[in-house]
Amino acid sequence: MATSVLLADFQYLTRQGIASLIKAMPGFELIKMVDTQNQLIEQAESINPDLIIIDITDKDKELIPKLRLLKDSLSSHFLVISNSQTKDSIQELLTMGIKGILTKNCSEEEIISGLRAVALGNRFFCNNILDLVVEHPSEEDNCEPTTLSPREFEVLELITKGLTTAQIADHLHLSIHTINSHRKNTLKKLNLNSPTELVVYALETGLVKNS
């Protein structure tokens, strides 16, 4: 069965562009497009689609509480496309439990990957968002933000859920050696020393939620 999609984008050009992309993707069905907040609420509650894609701009701050209510009342997965790239605004979405966040600078490949991941209930943040949420300061003044690969991020999420290395390997159909390598690389990128620090950091920054 195809993944039903409700697209809420308040700008004509971006709405049409995203719609065209969804329509070309096998396994997805765009069942409704809306261009106002009132239409979004009405249609989301009426249709209860598998996936809701919402474009949020800096001018749409009043949409955040409405999005929170929808998130709490529907079984739909949510993918947010945001033009706001401040850590506070992204943190607010993460705290709300939004699993997918893209920006309008994303490539077609990132958008497609995000759609597929969130439709399955997985987390997906584009590289621009990851640059914000996984930044970890060090003693060096020239420390640059680092990003996790999609696989490293997936392993991190499973670690925070309490899975052992063997369980993660089985879940992802990878070898234990590969999982250990991903964990070591993640620790190095984030300048952390142990899996315990990794879990604490991931939860405190909102990179993953303890659920």
C-alpha atoms as a PDB file:
ATOM      1  CA  MET A   1       0.000   0.000   0.000  1.00  0.00           C
ATOM      2  CA  ALA A   2       1.295   3.427  -0.946  1.00  0.00           C
ATOM      3  CA  THR A   3       2.258   5.967   1.708  1.00  0.00           C
ATOM      4  CA  SER A   4      -0.425   8.657   1.756  1.00  0.00           C
ATOM      5  CA  VAL A   5       0.978  12.189   1.880  1.00  0.00           C
ATOM      6  CA  LEU A   6      -0.488  15.536   2.865  1.00  0.00           C
ATOM      7  CA  LEU A   7       1.635  18.470   1.723  1.00  0.00           C
ATOM      8  CA  ALA A   8       1.269  21.815   3.490  1.00  0.00           C
ATOM      9  CA  ASP A   9       3.359  24.474   1.811  1.00  0.00           C
ATOM     10  CA  PHE A  10       2.340  28.104   1.767  1.00  0.00           C
ATOM     11  CA  GLN A  11       4.494  29.123  -1.199  1.00  0.00           C
ATOM     12  CA  TYR A  12       3.261  28.173  -4.658  1.00  0.00           C
ATOM     13  CA  LEU A  13       6.591  27.410  -6.334  1.00  0.00           C
ATOM     14  CA  THR A  14       8.010  25.244  -3.563  1.00  0.00           C
ATOM     15  CA  ARG A  15       4.663  23.488  -3.138  1.00  0.00           C
ATOM     16  CA  GLN A  16       4.565  22.548  -6.793  1.00  0.00           C
ATOM     17  CA  GLY A  17       8.204  21.477  -6.786  1.00  0.00           C
ATOM     18  CA  ILE A  18       7.809  19.161  -3.800  1.00  0.00           C
ATOM     19  CA  ALA A  19       4.534  17.839  -5.193  1.00  0.00           C
ATOM     20  CA  SER A  20       6.215  16.906  -8.472  1.00  0.00           C
ATOM     21  CA  LEU A  21       8.954  15.101  -6.602  1.00  0.00           C
ATOM     22  CA  ILE A  22       6.479  13.094  -4.498  1.00  0.00           C
ATOM     23  CA  LYS A  23       4.370  12.148  -7.507  1.00  0.00           C
ATOM     24  CA  ALA A  24       7.456  10.717  -9.197  1.00  0.00           C
ATOM     25  CA  MET A  25       8.360   8.518  -6.218  1.00  0.00           C
ATOM     26  CA  PRO A  26       7.147   4.888  -6.280  1.00  0.00           C
ATOM     27  CA  GLY A  27       5.250   3.903  -3.162  1.00  0.00           C
ATOM     28  CA  PHE A  28       4.020   7.417  -2.351  1.00  0.00           C
ATOM     29  CA  GLU A  29       0.634   8.961  -3.070  1.00  0.00           C
ATOM     30  CA  LEU A  30       0.063  12.699  -2.725  1.00  0.00           C
ATOM     31  CA  ILE A  31      -3.559  12.822  -1.640  1.00  0.00           C
ATOM     32  CA  LYS A  32      -3.880  16.482  -0.694  1.00  0.00           C
ATOM     33  CA  MET A  33      -2.095  19.818  -0.969  1.00  0.00           C
ATOM     34  CA  VAL A  34      -3.006  22.787   1.244  1.00  0.00           C
ATOM     35  CA  ASP A  35      -1.774  26.372   1.324  1.00  0.00           C
ATOM     36  CA  THR A  36      -3.199  27.742   4.581  1.00  0.00           C
ATOM     37  CA  GLN A  37      -2.832  26.789   8.219  1.00  0.00           C
ATOM     38  CA  ASN A  38      -6.588  26.312   8.635  1.00  0.00           C
ATOM     39  CA  GLN A  39      -6.670  23.914   5.701  1.00  0.00           C
ATOM     40  CA  LEU A  40      -3.749  22.033   7.190  1.00  0.00           C
ATOM     41  CA  ILE A  41      -5.560  21.447  10.487  1.00  0.00           C
ATOM     42  CA  GLU A  42      -8.851  20.520   8.825  1.00  0.00           C
ATOM     43  CA  GLN A  43      -7.393  18.147   6.249  1.00  0.00           C
ATOM     44  CA  ALA A  44      -4.878  16.524   8.591  1.00  0.00           C
ATOM     45  CA  GLU A  45      -7.604  15.690  11.118  1.00  0.00           C
ATOM     46  CA  SER A  46      -9.973  14.515   8.382  1.00  0.00           C
ATOM     47  CA  ILE A  47      -7.536  12.407   6.362  1.00  0.00           C
ATOM     48  CA  ASN A  48      -4.998  11.328   9.007  1.00  0.00           C
ATOM     49  CA  PRO A  49      -2.396  10.593   6.299  1.00  0.00           C
ATOM     50  CA  ASP A  50       0.662   8.418   6.768  1.00  0.00           C
ATOM     51  CA  LEU A  51       3.000  11.370   6.204  1.00  0.00           C
ATOM     52  CA  ILE A  52       2.508  15.109   6.640  1.00  0.00           C
ATOM     53  CA  ILE A  53       5.051  17.445   5.054  1.00  0.00           C
ATOM     54  CA  ILE A  54       4.992  20.974   6.457  1.00  0.00           C
ATOM     55  CA  ASP A  55       6.900  24.012   5.281  1.00  0.00           C
ATOM     56  CA  ILE A  56       7.655  26.324   8.205  1.00  0.00           C
ATOM     57  CA  THR A  57       9.205  29.756   7.679  1.00  0.00           C
ATOM     58  CA  ASP A  58      10.303  32.380  10.170  1.00  0.00           C
ATOM     59  CA  LYS A  59       6.940  34.078   9.623  1.00  0.00           C
ATOM     60  CA  ASP A  60       5.014  30.977  10.702  1.00  0.00           C
ATOM     61  CA  LYS A  61       5.861  30.928  14.418  1.00  0.00           C
ATOM     62  CA  GLU A  62       2.161  30.656  15.288  1.00  0.00           C
ATOM     63  CA  LEU A  63       2.137  27.346  13.416  1.00  0.00           C
ATOM     64  CA  ILE A  64       4.391  25.686  15.998  1.00  0.00           C
ATOM     65  CA  PRO A  65       1.719  25.200  18.726  1.00  0.00           C
ATOM     66  CA  LYS A  66      -0.728  23.968  16.082  1.00  0.00           C
ATOM     67  CA  LEU A  67       1.880  21.516  14.840  1.00  0.00           C
ATOM     68  CA  ARG A  68       2.384  20.309  18.398  1.00  0.00           C
ATOM     69  CA  LEU A  69      -1.335  19.614  18.769  1.00  0.00           C
ATOM     70  CA  LEU A  70      -1.433  17.726  15.484  1.00  0.00           C
ATOM     71  CA  LYS A  71       1.626  15.734  16.483  1.00  0.00           C
ATOM     72  CA  ASP A  72      -0.051  14.696  19.733  1.00  0.00           C
ATOM     73  CA  SER A  73      -3.422  13.828  18.203  1.00  0.00           C
ATOM     74  CA  LEU A  74      -2.536  12.040  14.956  1.00  0.00           C
ATOM     75  CA  SER A  75      -0.702   8.844  14.103  1.00  0.00           C
ATOM     76  CA  SER A  76       0.912  10.529  11.100  1.00  0.00           C
ATOM     77  CA  HIS A  77       4.650  10.925  10.670  1.00  0.00           C
ATOM     78  CA  PHE A  78       5.863  14.507  10.214  1.00  0.00           C
ATOM     79  CA  LEU A  79       8.568  15.892   7.941  1.00  0.00           C
ATOM     80  CA  VAL A  80       9.318  19.597   8.410  1.00  0.00           C
ATOM     81  CA  ILE A  81      10.961  21.753   5.767  1.00  0.00           C
ATOM     82  CA  SER A  82      12.301  24.819   7.560  1.00  0.00           C
ATOM     83  CA  ASN A  83      14.042  27.933   6.342  1.00  0.00           C
ATOM     84  CA  SER A  84      15.024  28.733   9.932  1.00  0.00           C
ATOM     85  CA  GLN A  85      18.440  27.331  10.736  1.00  0.00           C
ATOM     86  CA  THR A  86      18.983  28.495  14.301  1.00  0.00           C
ATOM     87  CA  LYS A  87      19.771  25.944  16.972  1.00  0.00           C
ATOM     88  CA  ASP A  88      16.869  27.118  19.155  1.00  0.00           C
ATOM     89  CA  SER A  89      14.270  26.720  16.412  1.00  0.00           C
ATOM     90  CA  ILE A  90      15.530  23.269  15.485  1.00  0.00           C
ATOM     91  CA  GLN A  91      15.690  22.270  19.151  1.00  0.00           C
ATOM     92  CA  GLU A  92      12.032  23.240  19.522  1.00  0.00           C
ATOM     93  CA  LEU A  93      11.075  20.872  16.710  1.00  0.00           C
ATOM     94  CA  LEU A  94      13.206  18.083  18.152  1.00  0.00           C
ATOM     95  CA  THR A  95      11.653  18.511  21.589  1.00  0.00           C
ATOM     96  CA  MET A  96       8.255  18.220  19.964  1.00  0.00           C
ATOM     97  CA  GLY A  97       9.235  14.820  18.617  1.00  0.00           C
ATOM     98  CA  ILE A  98       9.590  15.742  14.947  1.00  0.00           C
ATOM     99  CA  LYS A  99      11.669  12.985  13.360  1.00  0.00           C
ATOM    100  CA  GLY A 100      12.499  14.583  10.027  1.00  0.00           C
ATOM    101  CA  ILE A 101      13.810  18.069   9.291  1.00  0.00           C
ATOM    102  CA  LEU A 102      15.033  19.375   5.941  1.00  0.00           C
ATOM    103  CA  THR A 103      15.873  22.828   4.634  1.00  0.00           C
ATOM    104  CA  LYS A 104      15.118  24.440   1.300  1.00  0.00           C
ATOM    105  CA  ASN A 105      18.782  24.119   0.435  1.00  0.00           C
ATOM    106  CA  CYS A 106      18.564  20.328   0.408  1.00  0.00           C
ATOM    107  CA  SER A 107      19.429  18.360  -2.691  1.00  0.00           C
ATOM    108  CA  GLU A 108      16.902  16.135  -4.429  1.00  0.00           C
ATOM    109  CA  GLU A 109      18.716  13.105  -3.015  1.00  0.00           C
ATOM    110  CA  GLU A 110      18.397  14.388   0.560  1.00  0.00           C
ATOM    111  CA  ILE A 111      14.699  15.164   0.120  1.00  0.00           C
ATOM    112  CA  ILE A 112      13.975  11.706  -1.278  1.00  0.00           C
ATOM    113  CA  SER A 113      15.989  10.051   1.498  1.00  0.00           C
ATOM    114  CA  GLY A 114      14.141  12.123   4.086  1.00  0.00           C
ATOM    115  CA  LEU A 115      10.738  11.197   2.701  1.00  0.00           C
ATOM    116  CA  ARG A 116      11.532   7.502   2.685  1.00  0.00           C
ATOM    117  CA  ALA A 117      13.087   7.481   6.154  1.00  0.00           C
ATOM    118  CA  VAL A 118      10.339   9.429   7.903  1.00  0.00           C
ATOM    119  CA  ALA A 119       7.596   7.446   6.143  1.00  0.00           C
ATOM    120  CA  LEU A 120       9.066   4.359   7.816  1.00  0.00           C
ATOM    121  CA  GLY A 121       9.089   6.063  11.204  1.00  0.00           C
ATOM    122  CA  ASN A 122      12.845   6.655  11.186  1.00  0.00           C
ATOM    123  CA  ARG A 123      14.701   9.882  11.897  1.00  0.00           C
ATOM    124  CA  PHE A 124      16.263  11.954   9.148  1.00  0.00           C
ATOM    125  CA  PHE A 125      18.022  15.311   9.378  1.00  0.00           C
ATOM    126  CA  CYS A 126      19.743  16.842   6.389  1.00  0.00           C
ATOM    127  CA  ASN A 127      23.396  17.824   6.667  1.00  0.00           C
ATOM    128  CA  ASN A 128      22.574  21.480   7.406  1.00  0.00           C
ATOM    129  CA  ILE A 129      20.455  20.455  10.391  1.00  0.00           C
ATOM    130  CA  LEU A 130      23.024  17.941  11.600  1.00  0.00           C
ATOM    131  CA  ASP A 131      25.638  20.694  11.548  1.00  0.00           C
ATOM    132  CA  LEU A 132      23.554  22.487  14.163  1.00  0.00           C
ATOM    133  CA  VAL A 133      22.519  19.653  16.444  1.00  0.00           C
ATOM    134  CA  VAL A 134      25.761  17.668  16.617  1.00  0.00           C
ATOM    135  CA  GLU A 135      28.113  20.601  17.059  1.00  0.00           C
ATOM    136  CA  HIS A 136      30.312  19.834  20.065  1.00  0.00           C
ATOM    137  CA  PRO A 137      32.808  22.483  21.214  1.00  0.00           C
ATOM    138  CA  SER A 138      36.332  21.513  22.151  1.00  0.00           C
ATOM    139  CA  GLU A 139      39.268  23.356  23.652  1.00  0.00           C
ATOM    140  CA  GLU A 140      40.517  24.213  20.190  1.00  0.00           C
ATOM    141  CA  ASP A 141      39.318  27.530  18.840  1.00  0.00           C
ATOM    142  CA  ASN A 142      39.212  26.253  15.292  1.00  0.00           C
ATOM    143  CA  CYS A 143      37.025  23.232  15.983  1.00  0.00           C
ATOM    144  CA  GLU A 144      34.501  22.848  13.187  1.00  0.00           C
ATOM    145  CA  PRO A 145      31.032  21.267  13.436  1.00  0.00           C
ATOM    146  CA  THR A 146      30.967  17.643  12.344  1.00  0.00           C
ATOM    147  CA  THR A 147      28.146  15.629  10.860  1.00  0.00           C
ATOM    148  CA  LEU A 148      27.206  12.016  11.301  1.00  0.00           C
ATOM    149  CA  SER A 149      26.488   9.818   8.339  1.00  0.00           C
ATOM    150  CA  PRO A 150      22.953   8.407   8.097  1.00  0.00           C
ATOM    151  CA  ARG A 151      24.261   5.003   9.239  1.00  0.00           C
ATOM    152  CA  GLU A 152      26.185   6.498  12.189  1.00  0.00           C
ATOM    153  CA  PHE A 153      23.072   8.373  13.213  1.00  0.00           C
ATOM    154  CA  GLU A 154      21.019   5.166  12.976  1.00  0.00           C
ATOM    155  CA  VAL A 155      23.510   3.308  15.180  1.00  0.00           C
ATOM    156  CA  LEU A 156      23.490   6.194  17.668  1.00  0.00           C
ATOM    157  CA  GLU A 157      19.715   6.081  17.977  1.00  0.00           C
ATOM    158  CA  LEU A 158      19.777   2.343  18.686  1.00  0.00           C
ATOM    159  CA  ILE A 159      22.532   2.809  21.281  1.00  0.00           C
ATOM    160  CA  THR A 160      20.390   5.339  23.146  1.00  0.00           C
ATOM    161  CA  LYS A 161      17.536   2.817  23.170  1.00  0.00           C
ATOM    162  CA  GLY A 162      19.756   0.451  25.149  1.00  0.00           C
ATOM    163  CA  LEU A 163      20.492  -2.113  22.443  1.00  0.00           C
ATOM    164  CA  THR A 164      23.721  -4.057  22.684  1.00  0.00           C
ATOM    165  CA  THR A 165      26.246  -4.132  19.856  1.00  0.00           C
ATOM    166  CA  ALA A 166      25.075  -7.608  18.880  1.00  0.00           C
ATOM    167  CA  GLN A 167      21.425  -6.509  18.871  1.00  0.00           C
ATOM    168  CA  ILE A 168      22.215  -3.464  16.738  1.00  0.00           C
ATOM    169  CA  ALA A 169      24.177  -5.616  14.291  1.00  0.00           C
ATOM    170  CA  ASP A 170      21.247  -8.014  14.019  1.00  0.00           C
ATOM    171  CA  HIS A 171      18.728  -5.188  13.639  1.00  0.00           C
ATOM    172  CA  LEU A 172      20.691  -3.490  10.843  1.00  0.00           C
ATOM    173  CA  HIS A 173      21.903  -6.746   9.268  1.00  0.00           C
ATOM    174  CA  LEU A 174      25.523  -5.722   9.697  1.00  0.00           C
ATOM    175  CA  SER A 175      28.523  -7.326  11.375  1.00  0.00           C
ATOM    176  CA  ILE A 176      29.475  -6.576  14.970  1.00  0.00           C
ATOM    177  CA  HIS A 177      32.807  -5.265  13.682  1.00  0.00           C
ATOM    178  CA  THR A 178      30.980  -2.740  11.450  1.00  0.00           C
ATOM    179  CA  ILE A 179      28.817  -1.532  14.342  1.00  0.00           C
ATOM    180  CA  ASN A 180      31.907  -1.091  16.535  1.00  0.00           C
ATOM    181  CA  SER A 181      33.532   0.942  13.764  1.00  0.00           C
ATOM    182  CA  HIS A 182      30.487   3.213  13.464  1.00  0.00           C
ATOM    183  CA  ARG A 183      30.433   3.727  17.233  1.00  0.00           C
ATOM    184  CA  LYS A 184      34.149   4.578  17.363  1.00  0.00           C
ATOM    185  CA  ASN A 185      33.826   7.002  14.455  1.00  0.00           C
ATOM    186  CA  THR A 186      30.850   8.722  16.123  1.00  0.00           C
ATOM    187  CA  LEU A 187      32.750   9.118  19.403  1.00  0.00           C
ATOM    188  CA  LYS A 188      35.690  10.615  17.510  1.00  0.00           C
ATOM    189  CA  LYS A 189      33.533  13.052  15.522  1.00  0.00           C
ATOM    190  CA  LEU A 190      31.775  14.297  18.642  1.00  0.00           C
ATOM    191  CA  ASN A 191      34.931  14.423  20.773  1.00  0.00           C
ATOM    192  CA  LEU A 192      33.487  12.000  23.319  1.00  0.00           C
ATOM    193  CA  ASN A 193      35.245   9.259  25.256  1.00  0.00           C
ATOM    194  CA  SER A 194      32.695   6.566  26.051  1.00  0.00           C
ATOM    195  CA  PRO A 195      29.315   5.156  24.998  1.00  0.00           C
ATOM    196  CA  THR A 196      27.842   6.574  28.222  1.00  0.00           C
ATOM    197  CA  GLU A 197      28.938  10.099  27.276  1.00  0.00           C
ATOM    198  CA  LEU A 198      27.541   9.468  23.808  1.00  0.00           C
ATOM    199  CA  VAL A 199      24.094   8.575  25.126  1.00  0.00           C
ATOM    200  CA  VAL A 200      24.004  11.541  27.510  1.00  0.00           C
ATOM    201  CA  TYR A 201      25.119  13.949  24.793  1.00  0.00           C
ATOM    202  CA  ALA A 202      22.578  12.624  22.274  1.00  0.00           C
ATOM    203  CA  LEU A 203      19.693  13.006  24.697  1.00  0.00           C
ATOM    204  CA  GLU A 204      20.751  16.374  26.129  1.00  0.00           C
ATOM    205  CA  THR A 205      21.121  17.942  22.696  1.00  0.00           C
ATOM    206  CA  GLY A 206      17.815  16.481  21.505  1.00  0.00           C
ATOM    207  CA  LEU A 207      19.587  14.631  18.709  1.00  0.00           C
ATOM    208  CA  VAL A 208      17.537  11.609  19.712  1.00  0.00           C
ATOM    209  CA  LYS A 209      14.649  11.300  22.142  1.00  0.00           C
ATOM    210  CA  ASN A 210      14.499   8.816  24.992  1.00  0.00           C
ATOM    211  CA  SER A 211      11.342   7.053  23.902  1.00  0.00           C
END
